[in-house]
Amino acid sequence: MRTVSLAEAKAHLSELVNRVQNGEEVIITRHGQPVARIAAVERPKVPIQSRAAFRAHLPGWRTPSTGLIRALRDEER
């Protein structure tokens, strides 16, 4: 985390924004007291259009799940 004065922040805003884009946080001070924090914006999650569309993108199983459960249960015996 980097701390800069307000005057320095005004003079080097582009550089500070680049640092924030790279994951760094910047604290801006006025008269030695922290007054603001610059942090990257969280990107919004993209909503899933439908469950069917989501499932269509998942890889398929070679064996039905009932067969996998039976095989695991038989191994425990």
C-alpha atoms as a PDB file:
ATOM      1  CA  MET A   1       0.000   0.000   0.000  1.00  0.00           C
ATOM      2  CA  ARG A   2       1.378   3.356  -0.998  1.00  0.00           C
ATOM      3  CA  THR A   3       0.690   6.621   0.833  1.00  0.00           C
ATOM      4  CA  VAL A   4       0.895   9.940  -1.003  1.00  0.00           C
ATOM      5  CA  SER A   5       0.024  13.541  -0.215  1.00  0.00           C
ATOM      6  CA  LEU A   6      -2.863  15.234  -1.978  1.00  0.00           C
ATOM      7  CA  ALA A   7      -0.473  17.459  -3.943  1.00  0.00           C
ATOM      8  CA  GLU A   8       1.538  14.433  -5.100  1.00  0.00           C
ATOM      9  CA  ALA A   9      -1.663  12.584  -6.037  1.00  0.00           C
ATOM     10  CA  LYS A  10      -2.809  15.516  -8.158  1.00  0.00           C
ATOM     11  CA  ALA A  11       0.554  15.681  -9.912  1.00  0.00           C
ATOM     12  CA  HIS A  12       0.828  11.919 -10.564  1.00  0.00           C
ATOM     13  CA  LEU A  13      -2.778  10.760 -10.883  1.00  0.00           C
ATOM     14  CA  SER A  14      -2.221   8.709 -14.055  1.00  0.00           C
ATOM     15  CA  GLU A  15       0.654   6.818 -12.451  1.00  0.00           C
ATOM     16  CA  LEU A  16      -1.417   6.136  -9.326  1.00  0.00           C
ATOM     17  CA  VAL A  17      -4.330   4.832 -11.401  1.00  0.00           C
ATOM     18  CA  ASN A  18      -1.942   2.479 -13.210  1.00  0.00           C
ATOM     19  CA  ARG A  19      -0.683   1.174  -9.861  1.00  0.00           C
ATOM     20  CA  VAL A  20      -4.260   0.629  -8.685  1.00  0.00           C
ATOM     21  CA  GLN A  21      -5.058  -1.263 -11.898  1.00  0.00           C
ATOM     22  CA  ASN A  22      -2.133  -3.557 -11.078  1.00  0.00           C
ATOM     23  CA  GLY A  23      -3.653  -4.385  -7.680  1.00  0.00           C
ATOM     24  CA  GLU A  24      -2.011  -1.825  -5.403  1.00  0.00           C
ATOM     25  CA  GLU A  25      -3.988   0.362  -3.004  1.00  0.00           C
ATOM     26  CA  VAL A  26      -3.159   4.049  -2.575  1.00  0.00           C
ATOM     27  CA  ILE A  27      -3.911   6.192   0.482  1.00  0.00           C
ATOM     28  CA  ILE A  28      -4.114   9.958  -0.027  1.00  0.00           C
ATOM     29  CA  THR A  29      -3.266  12.201   2.900  1.00  0.00           C
ATOM     30  CA  ARG A  30      -3.954  15.849   3.664  1.00  0.00           C
ATOM     31  CA  HIS A  31      -1.708  17.472   6.269  1.00  0.00           C
ATOM     32  CA  GLY A  32      -0.401  13.999   7.161  1.00  0.00           C
ATOM     33  CA  GLN A  33      -3.861  12.542   7.884  1.00  0.00           C
ATOM     34  CA  PRO A  34      -5.393   9.881   5.609  1.00  0.00           C
ATOM     35  CA  VAL A  35      -8.461  11.245   3.812  1.00  0.00           C
ATOM     36  CA  ALA A  36      -9.053   8.895   0.855  1.00  0.00           C
ATOM     37  CA  ARG A  37      -8.217   5.462  -0.434  1.00  0.00           C
ATOM     38  CA  ILE A  38      -7.992   4.516  -4.105  1.00  0.00           C
ATOM     39  CA  ALA A  39      -8.653   0.858  -4.831  1.00  0.00           C
ATOM     40  CA  ALA A  40      -9.567  -1.133  -7.922  1.00  0.00           C
ATOM     41  CA  VAL A  41     -13.237  -1.589  -8.700  1.00  0.00           C
ATOM     42  CA  GLU A  42     -14.513  -5.142  -8.408  1.00  0.00           C
ATOM     43  CA  ARG A  43     -15.758  -6.388 -11.721  1.00  0.00           C
ATOM     44  CA  PRO A  44     -19.416  -7.414 -11.650  1.00  0.00           C
ATOM     45  CA  LYS A  45     -20.173 -11.090 -12.027  1.00  0.00           C
ATOM     46  CA  VAL A  46     -21.797 -12.012 -15.302  1.00  0.00           C
ATOM     47  CA  PRO A  47     -25.161 -13.636 -14.612  1.00  0.00           C
ATOM     48  CA  ILE A  48     -25.853 -17.067 -16.082  1.00  0.00           C
ATOM     49  CA  GLN A  49     -28.550 -16.870 -18.741  1.00  0.00           C
ATOM     50  CA  SER A  50     -30.138 -20.157 -17.731  1.00  0.00           C
ATOM     51  CA  ARG A  51     -29.253 -23.335 -15.900  1.00  0.00           C
ATOM     52  CA  ALA A  52     -29.627 -25.317 -19.107  1.00  0.00           C
ATOM     53  CA  ALA A  53     -27.062 -23.099 -20.849  1.00  0.00           C
ATOM     54  CA  PHE A  54     -24.701 -23.520 -17.897  1.00  0.00           C
ATOM     55  CA  ARG A  55     -25.057 -27.312 -17.904  1.00  0.00           C
ATOM     56  CA  ALA A  56     -24.500 -27.436 -21.671  1.00  0.00           C
ATOM     57  CA  HIS A  57     -20.977 -26.051 -21.128  1.00  0.00           C
ATOM     58  CA  LEU A  58     -20.035 -28.637 -18.481  1.00  0.00           C
ATOM     59  CA  PRO A  59     -18.065 -31.699 -19.556  1.00  0.00           C
ATOM     60  CA  GLY A  60     -20.118 -34.887 -19.653  1.00  0.00           C
ATOM     61  CA  TRP A  61     -19.565 -37.930 -17.454  1.00  0.00           C
ATOM     62  CA  ARG A  62     -18.457 -41.162 -19.121  1.00  0.00           C
ATOM     63  CA  THR A  63     -20.476 -43.187 -16.629  1.00  0.00           C
ATOM     64  CA  PRO A  64     -23.893 -42.256 -15.216  1.00  0.00           C
ATOM     65  CA  SER A  65     -23.695 -40.969 -11.639  1.00  0.00           C
ATOM     66  CA  THR A  66     -25.722 -43.929 -10.354  1.00  0.00           C
ATOM     67  CA  GLY A  67     -23.000 -46.267 -11.627  1.00  0.00           C
ATOM     68  CA  LEU A  68     -20.280 -44.215  -9.923  1.00  0.00           C
ATOM     69  CA  ILE A  69     -22.147 -44.248  -6.596  1.00  0.00           C
ATOM     70  CA  ARG A  70     -22.732 -47.995  -6.795  1.00  0.00           C
ATOM     71  CA  ALA A  71     -19.054 -48.616  -7.569  1.00  0.00           C
ATOM     72  CA  LEU A  72     -17.956 -46.495  -4.596  1.00  0.00           C
ATOM     73  CA  ARG A  73     -20.444 -48.206  -2.299  1.00  0.00           C
ATOM     74  CA  ASP A  74     -19.270 -51.638  -3.450  1.00  0.00           C
ATOM     75  CA  GLU A  75     -15.627 -50.688  -2.793  1.00  0.00           C
ATOM     76  CA  GLU A  76     -16.446 -49.899   0.850  1.00  0.00           C
ATOM     77  CA  ARG A  77     -17.867 -53.358   1.482  1.00  0.00           C
END
